[in-house]
PDB file of N, CA and C in Angstrom:
ATOM      1  N   MET A   1      69.274 104.996 103.700  1.00  0.00           N
ATOM      2  CA  MET A   1      69.693 104.027 102.728  1.00  0.00           C
ATOM      3  C   MET A   1      70.211 104.795 101.520  1.00  0.00           C
ATOM      4  N   ILE A   2      71.415 104.478 101.099  1.00  0.00           N
ATOM      5  CA  ILE A   2      72.049 105.170  99.985  1.00  0.00           C
ATOM      6  C   ILE A   2      72.336 104.173  98.869  1.00  0.00           C
ATOM      7  N   PHE A   3      71.878 104.519  97.676  1.00  0.00           N
ATOM      8  CA  PHE A   3      72.097 103.679  96.503  1.00  0.00           C
ATOM      9  C   PHE A   3      73.125 104.330  95.591  1.00  0.00           C
ATOM     10  N   SER A   4      73.909 103.503  94.931  1.00  0.00           N
ATOM     11  CA  SER A   4      74.829 103.970  93.902  1.00  0.00           C
ATOM     12  C   SER A   4      74.541 103.198  92.626  1.00  0.00           C
ATOM     13  N   ASP A   5      74.716 103.855  91.506  1.00  0.00           N
ATOM     14  CA  ASP A   5      74.581 103.176  90.223  1.00  0.00           C
ATOM     15  C   ASP A   5      75.970 102.804  89.720  1.00  0.00           C
ATOM     16  N   ILE A   6      76.033 102.179  88.574  1.00  0.00           N
ATOM     17  CA  ILE A   6      77.285 101.753  87.960  1.00  0.00           C
ATOM     18  C   ILE A   6      77.770 102.854  87.021  1.00  0.00           C
ATOM     19  N   GLY A   7      79.049 103.130  87.025  1.00  0.00           N
ATOM     20  CA  GLY A   7      79.618 104.136  86.136  1.00  0.00           C
ATOM     21  C   GLY A   7      80.791 104.828  86.806  1.00  0.00           C
ATOM     22  N   GLY A   8      81.285 105.862  86.151  1.00  0.00           N
ATOM     23  CA  GLY A   8      82.438 106.584  86.668  1.00  0.00           C
ATOM     24  C   GLY A   8      82.199 107.203  88.030  1.00  0.00           C
ATOM     25  N   HIS A   9      80.987 107.656  88.280  1.00  0.00           N
ATOM     26  CA  HIS A   9      80.665 108.273  89.570  1.00  0.00           C
ATOM     27  C   HIS A   9      80.731 107.268  90.716  1.00  0.00           C
ATOM     28  N   MET A  10      80.649 105.982  90.395  1.00  0.00           N
ATOM     29  CA  MET A  10      80.672 104.925  91.408  1.00  0.00           C
ATOM     30  C   MET A  10      81.987 104.950  92.196  1.00  0.00           C
ATOM     31  N   ARG A  11      83.069 105.325  91.546  1.00  0.00           N
ATOM     32  CA  ARG A  11      84.365 105.371  92.234  1.00  0.00           C
ATOM     33  C   ARG A  11      84.312 106.309  93.440  1.00  0.00           C
ATOM     34  N   PHE A  12      83.712 107.471  93.246  1.00  0.00           N
ATOM     35  CA  PHE A  12      83.577 108.410  94.362  1.00  0.00           C
ATOM     36  C   PHE A  12      82.711 107.795  95.451  1.00  0.00           C
ATOM     37  N   ASN A  13      81.577 107.222  95.058  1.00  0.00           N
ATOM     38  CA  ASN A  13      80.650 106.657  96.040  1.00  0.00           C
ATOM     39  C   ASN A  13      81.308 105.570  96.877  1.00  0.00           C
ATOM     40  N   VAL A  14      82.112 104.738  96.255  1.00  0.00           N
ATOM     41  CA  VAL A  14      82.746 103.627  96.967  1.00  0.00           C
ATOM     42  C   VAL A  14      83.903 104.107  97.843  1.00  0.00           C
ATOM     43  N   HIS A  15      84.695 105.040  97.330  1.00  0.00           N
ATOM     44  CA  HIS A  15      85.915 105.429  98.039  1.00  0.00           C
ATOM     45  C   HIS A  15      85.769 106.626  98.974  1.00  0.00           C
ATOM     46  N   GLU A  16      84.821 107.501  98.714  1.00  0.00           N
ATOM     47  CA  GLU A  16      84.778 108.747  99.468  1.00  0.00           C
ATOM     48  C   GLU A  16      83.584 108.910 100.418  1.00  0.00           C
ATOM     49  N   LEU A  17      82.505 108.186 100.198  1.00  0.00           N
ATOM     50  CA  LEU A  17      81.337 108.337 101.079  1.00  0.00           C
ATOM     51  C   LEU A  17      81.628 107.765 102.461  1.00  0.00           C
ATOM     52  N   CYS A  18      81.177 108.455 103.467  1.00  0.00           N
ATOM     53  CA  CYS A  18      81.295 107.968 104.848  1.00  0.00           C
ATOM     54  C   CYS A  18      79.921 107.453 105.262  1.00  0.00           C
ATOM     55  N   ILE A  19      79.797 106.157 105.366  1.00  0.00           N
ATOM     56  CA  ILE A  19      78.530 105.515 105.715  1.00  0.00           C
ATOM     57  C   ILE A  19      78.547 105.175 107.198  1.00  0.00           C
ATOM     58  N   ARG A  20      77.542 105.634 107.913  1.00  0.00           N
ATOM     59  CA  ARG A  20      77.421 105.344 109.346  1.00  0.00           C
ATOM     60  C   ARG A  20      76.865 103.941 109.563  1.00  0.00           C
ATOM     61  N   ALA A  21      77.010 103.450 110.766  1.00  0.00           N
ATOM     62  CA  ALA A  21      76.528 102.109 111.093  1.00  0.00           C
ATOM     63  C   ALA A  21      75.015 101.989 110.915  1.00  0.00           C
ATOM     64  N   SER A  22      74.292 103.080 111.111  1.00  0.00           N
ATOM     65  CA  SER A  22      72.834 103.040 110.985  1.00  0.00           C
ATOM     66  C   SER A  22      72.358 103.153 109.536  1.00  0.00           C
ATOM     67  N   GLN A  23      73.276 103.411 108.618  1.00  0.00           N
ATOM     68  CA  GLN A  23      72.925 103.555 107.207  1.00  0.00           C
ATOM     69  C   GLN A  23      73.245 102.276 106.442  1.00  0.00           C
ATOM     70  N   ARG A  24      72.670 102.202 105.251  1.00  0.00           N
ATOM     71  CA  ARG A  24      72.939 101.058 104.390  1.00  0.00           C
ATOM     72  C   ARG A  24      73.344 101.573 103.027  1.00  0.00           C
ATOM     73  N   PHE A  25      74.413 101.015 102.455  1.00  0.00           N
ATOM     74  CA  PHE A  25      74.904 101.389 101.134  1.00  0.00           C
ATOM     75  C   PHE A  25      74.631 100.244 100.178  1.00  0.00           C
ATOM     76  N   VAL A  26      73.936 100.517  99.082  1.00  0.00           N
ATOM     77  CA  VAL A  26      73.550  99.474  98.133  1.00  0.00           C
ATOM     78  C   VAL A  26      74.195  99.758  96.781  1.00  0.00           C
ATOM     79  N   LEU A  27      74.943  98.783  96.283  1.00  0.00           N
ATOM     80  CA  LEU A  27      75.595  98.870  94.977  1.00  0.00           C
ATOM     81  C   LEU A  27      75.433  97.520  94.304  1.00  0.00           C
ATOM     82  N   ASN A  28      74.684  97.476  93.228  1.00  0.00           N
ATOM     83  CA  ASN A  28      74.412  96.223  92.535  1.00  0.00           C
ATOM     84  C   ASN A  28      75.523  95.940  91.529  1.00  0.00           C
ATOM     85  N   LEU A  29      76.370  95.014  91.871  1.00  0.00           N
ATOM     86  CA  LEU A  29      77.469  94.643  90.978  1.00  0.00           C
ATOM     87  C   LEU A  29      77.195  93.336  90.243  1.00  0.00           C
ATOM     88  N   GLY A  30      75.971  92.824  90.334  1.00  0.00           N
ATOM     89  CA  GLY A  30      75.637  91.538  89.726  1.00  0.00           C
ATOM     90  C   GLY A  30      76.020  91.423  88.264  1.00  0.00           C
ATOM     91  N   PHE A  31      75.508  92.285  87.432  1.00  0.00           N
ATOM     92  CA  PHE A  31      75.833  92.267  86.014  1.00  0.00           C
ATOM     93  C   PHE A  31      76.466  93.584  85.564  1.00  0.00           C
ATOM     94  N   GLY A  32      76.630  94.510  86.476  1.00  0.00           N
ATOM     95  CA  GLY A  32      77.227  95.790  86.145  1.00  0.00           C
ATOM     96  C   GLY A  32      76.376  96.637  85.221  1.00  0.00           C
ATOM     97  N   SER A  33      75.064  96.484  85.323  1.00  0.00           N
ATOM     98  CA  SER A  33      74.180  97.216  84.421  1.00  0.00           C
ATOM     99  C   SER A  33      73.835  98.598  84.979  1.00  0.00           C
ATOM    100  N   MET A  34      73.854  99.587  84.102  1.00  0.00           N
ATOM    101  CA  MET A  34      73.499 100.950  84.491  1.00  0.00           C
ATOM    102  C   MET A  34      71.984 101.078  84.603  1.00  0.00           C
ATOM    103  N   GLY A  35      71.534 101.936  85.498  1.00  0.00           N
ATOM    104  CA  GLY A  35      70.108 102.201  85.652  1.00  0.00           C
ATOM    105  C   GLY A  35      69.512 101.669  86.941  1.00  0.00           C
ATOM    106  N   HIS A  36      70.164 100.719  87.569  1.00  0.00           N
ATOM    107  CA  HIS A  36      69.659 100.115  88.803  1.00  0.00           C
ATOM    108  C   HIS A  36      69.521 101.154  89.914  1.00  0.00           C
ATOM    109  N   GLY A  37      70.454 102.079  89.991  1.00  0.00           N
ATOM    110  CA  GLY A  37      70.445 103.079  91.053  1.00  0.00           C
ATOM    111  C   GLY A  37      69.338 104.108  90.918  1.00  0.00           C
ATOM    112  N   THR A  38      68.664 104.123  89.788  1.00  0.00           N
ATOM    113  CA  THR A  38      67.522 105.016  89.619  1.00  0.00           C
ATOM    114  C   THR A  38      66.241 104.327  90.054  1.00  0.00           C
ATOM    115  N   ALA A  39      66.069 103.070  89.677  1.00  0.00           N
ATOM    116  CA  ALA A  39      64.825 102.351  89.944  1.00  0.00           C
ATOM    117  C   ALA A  39      64.781 101.687  91.325  1.00  0.00           C
ATOM    118  N   ALA A  40      65.864 101.088  91.757  1.00  0.00           N
ATOM    119  CA  ALA A  40      65.874 100.333  93.015  1.00  0.00           C
ATOM    120  C   ALA A  40      65.502 101.164  94.245  1.00  0.00           C
ATOM    121  N   PRO A  41      65.922 102.423  94.337  1.00  0.00           N
ATOM    122  CA  PRO A  41      65.540 103.209  95.516  1.00  0.00           C
ATOM    123  C   PRO A  41      64.030 103.397  95.664  1.00  0.00           C
ATOM    124  N   ILE A  42      63.316 103.357  94.551  1.00  0.00           N
ATOM    125  CA  ILE A  42      61.858 103.483  94.608  1.00  0.00           C
ATOM    126  C   ILE A  42      61.274 102.294  95.360  1.00  0.00           C
ATOM    127  N   GLY A  43      61.729 101.103  95.022  1.00  0.00           N
ATOM    128  CA  GLY A  43      61.272  99.898  95.706  1.00  0.00           C
ATOM    129  C   GLY A  43      61.650  99.899  97.174  1.00  0.00           C
ATOM    130  N   ALA A  44      62.853 100.375  97.472  1.00  0.00           N
ATOM    131  CA  ALA A  44      63.291 100.428  98.873  1.00  0.00           C
ATOM    132  C   ALA A  44      62.435 101.402  99.672  1.00  0.00           C
ATOM    133  N   ALA A  45      62.103 102.537  99.082  1.00  0.00           N
ATOM    134  CA  ALA A  45      61.278 103.524  99.782  1.00  0.00           C
ATOM    135  C   ALA A  45      59.863 102.992 100.020  1.00  0.00           C
ATOM    136  N   LEU A  46      59.335 102.225  99.076  1.00  0.00           N
ATOM    137  CA  LEU A  46      58.007 101.633  99.246  1.00  0.00           C
ATOM    138  C   LEU A  46      58.028 100.513 100.279  1.00  0.00           C
ATOM    139  N   ALA A  47      59.132  99.752 100.322  1.00  0.00           N
ATOM    140  CA  ALA A  47      59.236  98.629 101.260  1.00  0.00           C
ATOM    141  C   ALA A  47      59.469  99.085 102.692  1.00  0.00           C
ATOM    142  N   GLN A  48      60.120 100.242 102.865  1.00  0.00           N
ATOM    143  CA  GLN A  48      60.432 100.733 104.201  1.00  0.00           C
ATOM    144  C   GLN A  48      59.988 102.191 104.337  1.00  0.00           C
ATOM    145  N   PRO A  49      58.684 102.414 104.434  1.00  0.00           N
ATOM    146  CA  PRO A  49      58.185 103.789 104.549  1.00  0.00           C
ATOM    147  C   PRO A  49      58.770 104.487 105.776  1.00  0.00           C
ATOM    148  N   GLY A  50      59.104 105.746 105.602  1.00  0.00           N
ATOM    149  CA  GLY A  50      59.651 106.514 106.708  1.00  0.00           C
ATOM    150  C   GLY A  50      61.166 106.490 106.789  1.00  0.00           C
ATOM    151  N   ARG A  51      61.799 105.561 106.106  1.00  0.00           N
ATOM    152  CA  ARG A  51      63.260 105.516 106.107  1.00  0.00           C
ATOM    153  C   ARG A  51      63.777 106.373 104.951  1.00  0.00           C
ATOM    154  N   PRO A  52      64.686 107.302 105.219  1.00  0.00           N
ATOM    155  CA  PRO A  52      65.212 108.146 104.147  1.00  0.00           C
ATOM    156  C   PRO A  52      65.957 107.327 103.090  1.00  0.00           C
ATOM    157  N   VAL A  53      65.683 107.614 101.827  1.00  0.00           N
ATOM    158  CA  VAL A  53      66.318 106.907 100.716  1.00  0.00           C
ATOM    159  C   VAL A  53      66.910 107.933  99.763  1.00  0.00           C
ATOM    160  N   CYS A  54      68.175 107.735  99.413  1.00  0.00           N
ATOM    161  CA  CYS A  54      68.898 108.644  98.527  1.00  0.00           C
ATOM    162  C   CYS A  54      69.666 107.818  97.502  1.00  0.00           C
ATOM    163  N   ALA A  55      69.790 108.346  96.302  1.00  0.00           N
ATOM    164  CA  ALA A  55      70.581 107.685  95.267  1.00  0.00           C
ATOM    165  C   ALA A  55      71.561 108.691  94.684  1.00  0.00           C
ATOM    166  N   ILE A  56      72.820 108.276  94.571  1.00  0.00           N
ATOM    167  CA  ILE A  56      73.842 109.106  93.947  1.00  0.00           C
ATOM    168  C   ILE A  56      74.220 108.419  92.648  1.00  0.00           C
ATOM    169  N   ILE A  57      73.859 109.057  91.535  1.00  0.00           N
ATOM    170  CA  ILE A  57      73.986 108.406  90.234  1.00  0.00           C
ATOM    171  C   ILE A  57      74.537 109.375  89.196  1.00  0.00           C
ATOM    172  N   GLY A  58      74.968 108.827  88.082  1.00  0.00           N
ATOM    173  CA  GLY A  58      75.448 109.636  86.971  1.00  0.00           C
ATOM    174  C   GLY A  58      74.307 110.032  86.048  1.00  0.00           C
ATOM    175  N   ASP A  59      74.565 110.997  85.204  1.00  0.00           N
ATOM    176  CA  ASP A  59      73.520 111.513  84.327  1.00  0.00           C
ATOM    177  C   ASP A  59      73.017 110.478  83.319  1.00  0.00           C
ATOM    178  N   ALA A  60      73.895 109.633  82.795  1.00  0.00           N
ATOM    179  CA  ALA A  60      73.452 108.615  81.830  1.00  0.00           C
ATOM    180  C   ALA A  60      72.574 107.562  82.510  1.00  0.00           C
ATOM    181  N   CYS A  61      72.926 107.165  83.723  1.00  0.00           N
ATOM    182  CA  CYS A  61      72.110 106.205  84.473  1.00  0.00           C
ATOM    183  C   CYS A  61      70.725 106.773  84.746  1.00  0.00           C
ATOM    184  N   PHE A  62      70.691 108.026  85.128  1.00  0.00           N
ATOM    185  CA  PHE A  62      69.421 108.683  85.439  1.00  0.00           C
ATOM    186  C   PHE A  62      68.524 108.765  84.211  1.00  0.00           C
ATOM    187  N   ALA A  63      69.120 108.990  83.050  1.00  0.00           N
ATOM    188  CA  ALA A  63      68.349 109.147  81.817  1.00  0.00           C
ATOM    189  C   ALA A  63      67.749 107.833  81.312  1.00  0.00           C
ATOM    190  N   MET A  64      68.173 106.713  81.831  1.00  0.00           N
ATOM    191  CA  MET A  64      67.698 105.414  81.349  1.00  0.00           C
ATOM    192  C   MET A  64      66.324 105.020  81.876  1.00  0.00           C
ATOM    193  N   ASN A  65      65.793 105.728  82.852  1.00  0.00           N
ATOM    194  CA  ASN A  65      64.604 105.257  83.542  1.00  0.00           C
ATOM    195  C   ASN A  65      63.509 106.308  83.669  1.00  0.00           C
ATOM    196  N   GLY A  66      62.992 106.771  82.603  1.00  0.00           N
ATOM    197  CA  GLY A  66      61.942 107.785  82.659  1.00  0.00           C
ATOM    198  C   GLY A  66      60.638 107.300  83.267  1.00  0.00           C
ATOM    199  N   MET A  67      60.203 106.099  82.935  1.00  0.00           N
ATOM    200  CA  MET A  67      58.912 105.605  83.422  1.00  0.00           C
ATOM    201  C   MET A  67      58.932 105.355  84.933  1.00  0.00           C
ATOM    202  N   GLU A  68      60.047 104.892  85.455  1.00  0.00           N
ATOM    203  CA  GLU A  68      60.150 104.669  86.890  1.00  0.00           C
ATOM    204  C   GLU A  68      60.036 105.983  87.654  1.00  0.00           C
ATOM    205  N   LEU A  69      60.640 107.026  87.109  1.00  0.00           N
ATOM    206  CA  LEU A  69      60.565 108.344  87.751  1.00  0.00           C
ATOM    207  C   LEU A  69      59.144 108.876  87.730  1.00  0.00           C
ATOM    208  N   LEU A  70      58.450 108.640  86.638  1.00  0.00           N
ATOM    209  CA  LEU A  70      57.051 109.056  86.538  1.00  0.00           C
ATOM    210  C   LEU A  70      56.208 108.333  87.591  1.00  0.00           C
ATOM    211  N   THR A  71      56.421 107.044  87.754  1.00  0.00           N
ATOM    212  CA  THR A  71      55.691 106.270  88.755  1.00  0.00           C
ATOM    213  C   THR A  71      55.979 106.794  90.165  1.00  0.00           C
ATOM    214  N   ALA A  72      57.239 107.083  90.459  1.00  0.00           N
ATOM    215  CA  ALA A  72      57.597 107.614  91.778  1.00  0.00           C
ATOM    216  C   ALA A  72      56.903 108.952  92.027  1.00  0.00           C
ATOM    217  N   ALA A  73      56.850 109.788  91.006  1.00  0.00           N
ATOM    218  CA  ALA A  73      56.192 111.093  91.156  1.00  0.00           C
ATOM    219  C   ALA A  73      54.689 110.932  91.341  1.00  0.00           C
ATOM    220  N   GLU A  74      54.076 110.040  90.575  1.00  0.00           N
ATOM    221  CA  GLU A  74      52.621 109.843  90.669  1.00  0.00           C
ATOM    222  C   GLU A  74      52.201 109.312  92.031  1.00  0.00           C
ATOM    223  N   TYR A  75      53.014 108.455  92.625  1.00  0.00           N
ATOM    224  CA  TYR A  75      52.667 107.855  93.918  1.00  0.00           C
ATOM    225  C   TYR A  75      53.306 108.584  95.100  1.00  0.00           C
ATOM    226  N   GLY A  76      54.020 109.658  94.843  1.00  0.00           N
ATOM    227  CA  GLY A  76      54.629 110.432  95.922  1.00  0.00           C
ATOM    228  C   GLY A  76      55.680 109.671  96.697  1.00  0.00           C
ATOM    229  N   VAL A  77      56.476 108.867  96.005  1.00  0.00           N
ATOM    230  CA  VAL A  77      57.516 108.082  96.672  1.00  0.00           C
ATOM    231  C   VAL A  77      58.679 109.014  97.029  1.00  0.00           C
ATOM    232  N   PRO A  78      59.020 109.092  98.317  1.00  0.00           N
ATOM    233  CA  PRO A  78      60.039 110.053  98.762  1.00  0.00           C
ATOM    234  C   PRO A  78      61.473 109.553  98.568  1.00  0.00           C
ATOM    235  N   VAL A  79      62.008 109.752  97.379  1.00  0.00           N
ATOM    236  CA  VAL A  79      63.390 109.392  97.075  1.00  0.00           C
ATOM    237  C   VAL A  79      64.116 110.665  96.641  1.00  0.00           C
ATOM    238  N   ILE A  80      65.338 110.810  97.090  1.00  0.00           N
ATOM    239  CA  ILE A  80      66.179 111.920  96.658  1.00  0.00           C
ATOM    240  C   ILE A  80      67.228 111.358  95.708  1.00  0.00           C
ATOM    241  N   TRP A  81      67.292 111.910  94.495  1.00  0.00           N
ATOM    242  CA  TRP A  81      68.319 111.522  93.534  1.00  0.00           C
ATOM    243  C   TRP A  81      69.323 112.658  93.413  1.00  0.00           C
ATOM    244  N   ILE A  82      70.580 112.355  93.619  1.00  0.00           N
ATOM    245  CA  ILE A  82      71.673 113.297  93.375  1.00  0.00           C
ATOM    246  C   ILE A  82      72.311 112.847  92.075  1.00  0.00           C
ATOM    247  N   VAL A  83      72.203 113.684  91.053  1.00  0.00           N
ATOM    248  CA  VAL A  83      72.673 113.313  89.715  1.00  0.00           C
ATOM    249  C   VAL A  83      73.962 114.063  89.405  1.00  0.00           C
ATOM    250  N   GLU A  84      75.029 113.301  89.202  1.00  0.00           N
ATOM    251  CA  GLU A  84      76.317 113.883  88.836  1.00  0.00           C
ATOM    252  C   GLU A  84      76.397 114.001  87.322  1.00  0.00           C
ATOM    253  N   THR A  85      76.746 115.160  86.841  1.00  0.00           N
ATOM    254  CA  THR A  85      76.878 115.361  85.407  1.00  0.00           C
ATOM    255  C   THR A  85      78.295 114.998  84.995  1.00  0.00           C
ATOM    256  N   THR A  86      78.443 113.802  84.439  1.00  0.00           N
ATOM    257  CA  THR A  86      79.759 113.343  84.003  1.00  0.00           C
ATOM    258  C   THR A  86      79.926 113.425  82.490  1.00  0.00           C
ATOM    259  N   ARG A  87      78.803 113.509  81.771  1.00  0.00           N
ATOM    260  CA  ARG A  87      78.805 113.560  80.300  1.00  0.00           C
ATOM    261  C   ARG A  87      79.591 112.403  79.691  1.00  0.00           C
ATOM    262  N   CYS A  88      79.492 111.251  80.330  1.00  0.00           N
ATOM    263  CA  CYS A  88      80.213 110.079  79.855  1.00  0.00           C
ATOM    264  C   CYS A  88      79.384 108.850  80.201  1.00  0.00           C
ATOM    265  N   THR A  89      79.156 107.985  79.238  1.00  0.00           N
ATOM    266  CA  THR A  89      78.304 106.819  79.488  1.00  0.00           C
ATOM    267  C   THR A  89      79.100 105.561  79.799  1.00  0.00           C
ATOM    268  N   ALA A  90      80.328 105.701  80.221  1.00  0.00           N
ATOM    269  CA  ALA A  90      81.122 104.526  80.576  1.00  0.00           C
ATOM    270  C   ALA A  90      82.077 104.891  81.700  1.00  0.00           C
ATOM    271  N   SER A  91      82.393 103.926  82.543  1.00  0.00           N
ATOM    272  CA  SER A  91      83.282 104.202  83.662  1.00  0.00           C
ATOM    273  C   SER A  91      84.702 104.472  83.192  1.00  0.00           C
ATOM    274  N   ARG A  92      85.029 104.107  81.969  1.00  0.00           N
ATOM    275  CA  ARG A  92      86.385 104.356  81.487  1.00  0.00           C
ATOM    276  C   ARG A  92      86.647 105.845  81.257  1.00  0.00           C
ATOM    277  N   GLY A  93      85.611 106.653  81.237  1.00  0.00           N
ATOM    278  CA  GLY A  93      85.757 108.082  80.987  1.00  0.00           C
ATOM    279  C   GLY A  93      86.420 108.825  82.122  1.00  0.00           C
ATOM    280  N   THR A  94      86.287 108.340  83.331  1.00  0.00           N
ATOM    281  CA  THR A  94      86.924 109.012  84.469  1.00  0.00           C
ATOM    282  C   THR A  94      88.132 108.221  84.916  1.00  0.00           C
ATOM    283  N   GLY A  95      89.215 108.901  85.085  1.00  0.00           N
ATOM    284  CA  GLY A  95      90.441 108.250  85.541  1.00  0.00           C
ATOM    285  C   GLY A  95      91.253 107.587  84.453  1.00  0.00           C
ATOM    286  N   ALA A  96      90.811 107.670  83.219  1.00  0.00           N
ATOM    287  CA  ALA A  96      91.538 107.034  82.123  1.00  0.00           C
ATOM    288  C   ALA A  96      92.730 107.891  81.722  1.00  0.00           C
ATOM    289  N   LYS A  97      93.829 107.243  81.431  1.00  0.00           N
ATOM    290  CA  LYS A  97      95.022 107.958  80.961  1.00  0.00           C
ATOM    291  C   LYS A  97      94.914 108.141  79.461  1.00  0.00           C
ATOM    292  N   ARG A  98      95.401 109.270  79.006  1.00  0.00           N
ATOM    293  CA  ARG A  98      95.380 109.548  77.563  1.00  0.00           C
ATOM    294  C   ARG A  98      96.770 109.467  76.997  1.00  0.00           C
TER     295      ARG A  98
END
């Protein structure tokens, strides 16, 4: 199960990732809020023990959820976070014309 957060890095996740039929790609576009891709994988890993869970997120999204990460560490929740360093807190930072 692969999670993506909202932000500039999302473009890569949507356009370039190759998702197999046995995998699931989760992208919460409900309100477009950043931070979902850090916390949601924890719940998915707890709900489906033994299933690999990975999140590909930007650095600003990752920084929004310190307490959730602490909880995952305390309970040994097996989630892999791949954090892209974009140094930009908005999706307009990547691909924008100057």
